Amino acid sequence: NDQLFRAGFLYRATSNIGIYGLSSQSITPQNSRLYDGSFAPPQTGTGNELGFKVQMFDERLSATVGFFKIELKDVAVSSGQTSPITNQTYVNLIGKTIQEGGDITLFARPLPNWQVTFNAYKGTVKDQNGITIQIYSNDHAPPHAHVKGKGGEVRIGQNGRPLKDEPELSRLQKAV
């Protein structure tokens, strides 16, 4: 498929409140190699978002609240291993992932030439087998995600491996 679409709307409920929606497709080339040395196929996806925007105090304060669902196919994840065929690290494709959640962004202009931004996100990522990867905004350090389903809950670091004193990932969790 060599055609992508993107469509959206904004309905101005009042002069300060807008309701919006967006639906789109994506394709992202990947520069990663598979076990056999071939390039991973492009990552493709669809995304849908619905939300509202509010502006107050002569546009000195604004907020956006959105709820979304993103489905991605052919997501490449580092295997952390070297292929004996190519002597290079390779990626595994994890099939389809689904990310659902919401976010809020606040913008404030308290003084001329100053802007303050706040953003919070809450969402989940699931693979086609129902394994969930959850990231909580403002969660304690070190940066990590929670892997749930098809085994016990495991906190993993940015490298995809369990944090210190966490159990090992199950076989199915490792496949994600």
C-alpha atoms as a PDB file:
ATOM      1  CA  ASN A   1       0.000   0.000   0.000  1.00  0.00           C
ATOM      2  CA  ASP A   2       1.696   3.207  -1.128  1.00  0.00           C
ATOM      3  CA  GLN A   3      -1.021   5.640  -0.011  1.00  0.00           C
ATOM      4  CA  LEU A   4      -1.502   6.973   3.494  1.00  0.00           C
ATOM      5  CA  PHE A   5      -4.345   9.023   4.839  1.00  0.00           C
ATOM      6  CA  ARG A   6      -4.768  11.615   7.553  1.00  0.00           C
ATOM      7  CA  ALA A   7      -8.053  13.263   8.454  1.00  0.00           C
ATOM      8  CA  GLY A   8      -9.111  15.441  11.327  1.00  0.00           C
ATOM      9  CA  PHE A   9     -11.627  17.950  12.558  1.00  0.00           C
ATOM     10  CA  LEU A  10     -11.879  20.809  15.041  1.00  0.00           C
ATOM     11  CA  TYR A  11     -15.289  21.930  16.274  1.00  0.00           C
ATOM     12  CA  ARG A  12     -15.329  25.313  18.048  1.00  0.00           C
ATOM     13  CA  ALA A  13     -17.964  24.718  20.759  1.00  0.00           C
ATOM     14  CA  THR A  14     -17.329  28.255  22.084  1.00  0.00           C
ATOM     15  CA  SER A  15     -14.719  30.908  21.387  1.00  0.00           C
ATOM     16  CA  ASN A  16     -12.508  29.279  24.079  1.00  0.00           C
ATOM     17  CA  ILE A  17     -13.294  25.571  23.732  1.00  0.00           C
ATOM     18  CA  GLY A  18     -12.592  23.290  20.796  1.00  0.00           C
ATOM     19  CA  ILE A  19     -13.274  19.589  20.334  1.00  0.00           C
ATOM     20  CA  TYR A  20     -10.956  17.755  17.955  1.00  0.00           C
ATOM     21  CA  GLY A  21     -10.436  14.367  16.389  1.00  0.00           C
ATOM     22  CA  LEU A  22      -7.681  12.910  14.239  1.00  0.00           C
ATOM     23  CA  SER A  23      -7.263   9.633  12.382  1.00  0.00           C
ATOM     24  CA  SER A  24      -4.113   8.738  10.454  1.00  0.00           C
ATOM     25  CA  GLN A  25      -1.935   6.009   9.004  1.00  0.00           C
ATOM     26  CA  SER A  26       1.850   5.897   9.260  1.00  0.00           C
ATOM     27  CA  ILE A  27       4.798   4.134   7.717  1.00  0.00           C
ATOM     28  CA  THR A  28       8.294   4.398   9.186  1.00  0.00           C
ATOM     29  CA  PRO A  29      11.337   2.905   7.436  1.00  0.00           C
ATOM     30  CA  GLN A  30      13.603   0.951   9.789  1.00  0.00           C
ATOM     31  CA  ASN A  31      17.368   0.868   9.458  1.00  0.00           C
ATOM     32  CA  SER A  32      17.678  -2.248  11.629  1.00  0.00           C
ATOM     33  CA  ARG A  33      18.730  -5.688  10.469  1.00  0.00           C
ATOM     34  CA  LEU A  34      17.113  -9.037  11.134  1.00  0.00           C
ATOM     35  CA  TYR A  35      18.947 -12.228  12.134  1.00  0.00           C
ATOM     36  CA  ASP A  36      19.679 -13.106   8.483  1.00  0.00           C
ATOM     37  CA  GLY A  37      21.099  -9.630   7.751  1.00  0.00           C
ATOM     38  CA  SER A  38      18.135  -8.345   5.746  1.00  0.00           C
ATOM     39  CA  PHE A  39      16.566  -5.031   6.692  1.00  0.00           C
ATOM     40  CA  ALA A  40      13.471  -5.060   8.881  1.00  0.00           C
ATOM     41  CA  PRO A  41      10.310  -4.114   6.972  1.00  0.00           C
ATOM     42  CA  PRO A  42       8.836  -0.655   7.540  1.00  0.00           C
ATOM     43  CA  GLN A  43       6.795  -0.179  10.694  1.00  0.00           C
ATOM     44  CA  THR A  44       3.197   0.631   9.765  1.00  0.00           C
ATOM     45  CA  GLY A  45       0.389   1.897  11.918  1.00  0.00           C
ATOM     46  CA  THR A  46      -2.905   3.613  12.461  1.00  0.00           C
ATOM     47  CA  GLY A  47      -3.728   6.199  15.076  1.00  0.00           C
ATOM     48  CA  ASN A  48      -6.917   7.765  16.375  1.00  0.00           C
ATOM     49  CA  GLU A  49      -7.232  10.617  18.861  1.00  0.00           C
ATOM     50  CA  LEU A  50     -10.166  12.515  20.330  1.00  0.00           C
ATOM     51  CA  GLY A  51      -9.912  15.415  22.733  1.00  0.00           C
ATOM     52  CA  PHE A  52     -10.584  19.022  23.551  1.00  0.00           C
ATOM     53  CA  LYS A  53      -8.660  22.291  23.795  1.00  0.00           C
ATOM     54  CA  VAL A  54      -9.389  25.176  26.139  1.00  0.00           C
ATOM     55  CA  GLN A  55      -7.971  28.727  26.095  1.00  0.00           C
ATOM     56  CA  MET A  56      -8.449  31.186  28.956  1.00  0.00           C
ATOM     57  CA  PHE A  57      -7.298  34.577  30.199  1.00  0.00           C
ATOM     58  CA  ASP A  58      -6.653  36.092  26.780  1.00  0.00           C
ATOM     59  CA  GLU A  59      -4.786  32.914  25.707  1.00  0.00           C
ATOM     60  CA  ARG A  60      -2.342  33.181  28.616  1.00  0.00           C
ATOM     61  CA  LEU A  61      -3.478  29.764  29.851  1.00  0.00           C
ATOM     62  CA  SER A  62      -4.408  26.841  27.615  1.00  0.00           C
ATOM     63  CA  ALA A  63      -4.926  23.123  28.018  1.00  0.00           C
ATOM     64  CA  THR A  64      -5.260  20.125  25.717  1.00  0.00           C
ATOM     65  CA  VAL A  65      -6.715  16.812  26.885  1.00  0.00           C
ATOM     66  CA  GLY A  66      -6.607  13.893  24.480  1.00  0.00           C
ATOM     67  CA  PHE A  67      -7.434  10.188  24.402  1.00  0.00           C
ATOM     68  CA  PHE A  68      -5.770   7.967  21.827  1.00  0.00           C
ATOM     69  CA  LYS A  69      -5.351   4.497  20.382  1.00  0.00           C
ATOM     70  CA  ILE A  70      -2.343   3.629  18.227  1.00  0.00           C
ATOM     71  CA  GLU A  71      -1.826   0.259  16.518  1.00  0.00           C
ATOM     72  CA  LEU A  72       1.630  -0.532  15.123  1.00  0.00           C
ATOM     73  CA  LYS A  73       2.754  -3.520  13.052  1.00  0.00           C
ATOM     74  CA  ASP A  74       6.314  -4.823  12.520  1.00  0.00           C
ATOM     75  CA  VAL A  75       7.751  -3.123  15.593  1.00  0.00           C
ATOM     76  CA  ALA A  76      11.484  -3.920  15.783  1.00  0.00           C
ATOM     77  CA  VAL A  77      12.988  -4.618  19.208  1.00  0.00           C
ATOM     78  CA  SER A  78      16.676  -5.200  19.829  1.00  0.00           C
ATOM     79  CA  SER A  79      17.501  -8.831  20.533  1.00  0.00           C
ATOM     80  CA  GLY A  80      20.589  -7.803  22.476  1.00  0.00           C
ATOM     81  CA  GLN A  81      22.449 -10.581  20.657  1.00  0.00           C
ATOM     82  CA  THR A  82      24.846 -10.886  17.729  1.00  0.00           C
ATOM     83  CA  SER A  83      23.885 -12.871  14.646  1.00  0.00           C
ATOM     84  CA  PRO A  84      26.503 -15.498  13.710  1.00  0.00           C
ATOM     85  CA  ILE A  85      25.564 -14.905  10.060  1.00  0.00           C
ATOM     86  CA  THR A  86      26.355 -11.167  10.004  1.00  0.00           C
ATOM     87  CA  ASN A  87      28.362 -10.698  13.205  1.00  0.00           C
ATOM     88  CA  GLN A  88      26.054  -7.715  13.965  1.00  0.00           C
ATOM     89  CA  THR A  89      23.347  -7.176  16.535  1.00  0.00           C
ATOM     90  CA  TYR A  90      19.897  -7.812  15.174  1.00  0.00           C
ATOM     91  CA  VAL A  91      16.260  -7.029  15.950  1.00  0.00           C
ATOM     92  CA  ASN A  92      13.188  -9.193  16.383  1.00  0.00           C
ATOM     93  CA  LEU A  93       9.784  -8.178  15.053  1.00  0.00           C
ATOM     94  CA  ILE A  94       7.097  -8.362  17.722  1.00  0.00           C
ATOM     95  CA  GLY A  95       4.072  -8.263  15.460  1.00  0.00           C
ATOM     96  CA  LYS A  96       1.287  -5.875  16.403  1.00  0.00           C
ATOM     97  CA  THR A  97       1.224  -3.576  19.430  1.00  0.00           C
ATOM     98  CA  ILE A  98      -1.672  -1.493  20.687  1.00  0.00           C
ATOM     99  CA  GLN A  99      -1.119   1.666  22.725  1.00  0.00           C
ATOM    100  CA  GLU A 100      -4.103   3.255  24.453  1.00  0.00           C
ATOM    101  CA  GLY A 101      -4.245   6.127  26.882  1.00  0.00           C
ATOM    102  CA  GLY A 102      -4.590   9.786  27.413  1.00  0.00           C
ATOM    103  CA  ASP A 103      -2.534  12.879  28.002  1.00  0.00           C
ATOM    104  CA  ILE A 104      -2.934  16.409  29.228  1.00  0.00           C
ATOM    105  CA  THR A 105      -0.787  19.401  28.331  1.00  0.00           C
ATOM    106  CA  LEU A 106      -0.985  22.777  30.048  1.00  0.00           C
ATOM    107  CA  PHE A 107       0.633  25.952  28.694  1.00  0.00           C
ATOM    108  CA  ALA A 108       0.907  29.115  30.740  1.00  0.00           C
ATOM    109  CA  ARG A 109       2.374  32.508  29.818  1.00  0.00           C
ATOM    110  CA  PRO A 110       2.735  34.160  33.246  1.00  0.00           C
ATOM    111  CA  LEU A 111       4.978  36.996  32.030  1.00  0.00           C
ATOM    112  CA  PRO A 112       6.008  38.413  28.657  1.00  0.00           C
ATOM    113  CA  ASN A 113       8.680  36.213  27.001  1.00  0.00           C
ATOM    114  CA  TRP A 114       7.982  33.349  29.441  1.00  0.00           C
ATOM    115  CA  GLN A 115       6.107  30.112  28.796  1.00  0.00           C
ATOM    116  CA  VAL A 116       5.643  27.238  31.230  1.00  0.00           C
ATOM    117  CA  THR A 117       4.608  23.792  30.009  1.00  0.00           C
ATOM    118  CA  PHE A 118       3.312  20.781  31.933  1.00  0.00           C
ATOM    119  CA  ASN A 119       2.536  17.396  30.377  1.00  0.00           C
ATOM    120  CA  ALA A 120       1.241  14.153  31.886  1.00  0.00           C
ATOM    121  CA  TYR A 121       0.617  10.839  30.119  1.00  0.00           C
ATOM    122  CA  LYS A 122      -1.008   7.598  31.156  1.00  0.00           C
ATOM    123  CA  GLY A 123      -1.255   4.721  28.787  1.00  0.00           C
ATOM    124  CA  THR A 124      -0.676   1.053  28.168  1.00  0.00           C
ATOM    125  CA  VAL A 125       1.017  -0.847  25.377  1.00  0.00           C
ATOM    126  CA  LYS A 126      -0.125  -4.414  24.625  1.00  0.00           C
ATOM    127  CA  ASP A 127       1.109  -6.934  22.117  1.00  0.00           C
ATOM    128  CA  GLN A 128      -1.132  -9.334  20.238  1.00  0.00           C
ATOM    129  CA  ASN A 129      -0.741 -11.910  23.055  1.00  0.00           C
ATOM    130  CA  GLY A 130      -2.138  -9.577  25.722  1.00  0.00           C
ATOM    131  CA  ILE A 131       1.145  -8.717  27.407  1.00  0.00           C
ATOM    132  CA  THR A 132       1.001  -5.158  28.711  1.00  0.00           C
ATOM    133  CA  ILE A 133       3.873  -2.706  29.000  1.00  0.00           C
ATOM    134  CA  GLN A 134       2.801   0.146  31.288  1.00  0.00           C
ATOM    135  CA  ILE A 135       4.644   3.433  31.810  1.00  0.00           C
ATOM    136  CA  TYR A 136       3.429   5.691  34.614  1.00  0.00           C
ATOM    137  CA  SER A 137       4.154   9.414  34.467  1.00  0.00           C
ATOM    138  CA  ASN A 138       6.043  10.671  37.527  1.00  0.00           C
ATOM    139  CA  ASP A 139       6.929   7.104  38.577  1.00  0.00           C
ATOM    140  CA  HIS A 140       9.942   6.801  40.880  1.00  0.00           C
ATOM    141  CA  ALA A 141      13.516   6.489  39.591  1.00  0.00           C
ATOM    142  CA  PRO A 142      15.230   4.819  37.840  1.00  0.00           C
ATOM    143  CA  PRO A 143      13.261   5.196  34.576  1.00  0.00           C
ATOM    144  CA  HIS A 144      11.378   1.967  33.944  1.00  0.00           C
ATOM    145  CA  ALA A 145       8.262   0.275  32.584  1.00  0.00           C
ATOM    146  CA  HIS A 146       6.035  -2.406  34.086  1.00  0.00           C
ATOM    147  CA  VAL A 147       5.587  -5.641  32.086  1.00  0.00           C
ATOM    148  CA  LYS A 148       2.380  -7.507  33.006  1.00  0.00           C
ATOM    149  CA  GLY A 149       0.683 -10.658  31.771  1.00  0.00           C
ATOM    150  CA  LYS A 150       1.829 -14.192  30.860  1.00  0.00           C
ATOM    151  CA  GLY A 151       4.009 -14.205  33.985  1.00  0.00           C
ATOM    152  CA  GLY A 152       4.528 -12.053  37.070  1.00  0.00           C
ATOM    153  CA  GLU A 153       4.797  -8.272  36.916  1.00  0.00           C
ATOM    154  CA  VAL A 154       8.390  -7.205  36.192  1.00  0.00           C
ATOM    155  CA  ARG A 155       9.873  -3.715  36.172  1.00  0.00           C
ATOM    156  CA  ILE A 156      12.303  -3.288  33.262  1.00  0.00           C
ATOM    157  CA  GLY A 157      14.829  -0.552  32.593  1.00  0.00           C
ATOM    158  CA  GLN A 158      15.438   1.425  29.422  1.00  0.00           C
ATOM    159  CA  ASN A 159      17.584  -1.447  28.106  1.00  0.00           C
ATOM    160  CA  GLY A 160      14.577  -3.811  28.245  1.00  0.00           C
ATOM    161  CA  ARG A 161      16.075  -5.928  31.031  1.00  0.00           C
ATOM    162  CA  PRO A 162      14.699  -6.409  34.571  1.00  0.00           C
ATOM    163  CA  LEU A 163      15.808  -3.901  37.186  1.00  0.00           C
ATOM    164  CA  LYS A 164      17.972  -5.058  40.086  1.00  0.00           C
ATOM    165  CA  ASP A 165      16.120  -7.407  42.476  1.00  0.00           C
ATOM    166  CA  GLU A 166      13.301  -7.985  39.933  1.00  0.00           C
ATOM    167  CA  PRO A 167      12.387 -11.483  38.728  1.00  0.00           C
ATOM    168  CA  GLU A 168      13.324 -12.620  35.239  1.00  0.00           C
ATOM    169  CA  LEU A 169      10.873 -12.041  32.407  1.00  0.00           C
ATOM    170  CA  SER A 170       8.840 -15.097  31.389  1.00  0.00           C
ATOM    171  CA  ARG A 171       9.490 -16.670  27.991  1.00  0.00           C
ATOM    172  CA  LEU A 172       6.428 -14.919  26.523  1.00  0.00           C
ATOM    173  CA  GLN A 173       7.327 -11.579  28.121  1.00  0.00           C
ATOM    174  CA  LYS A 174      10.836 -11.803  26.630  1.00  0.00           C
ATOM    175  CA  ALA A 175       9.306 -12.219  23.162  1.00  0.00           C
ATOM    176  CA  VAL A 176       7.759  -8.762  23.461  1.00  0.00           C
END
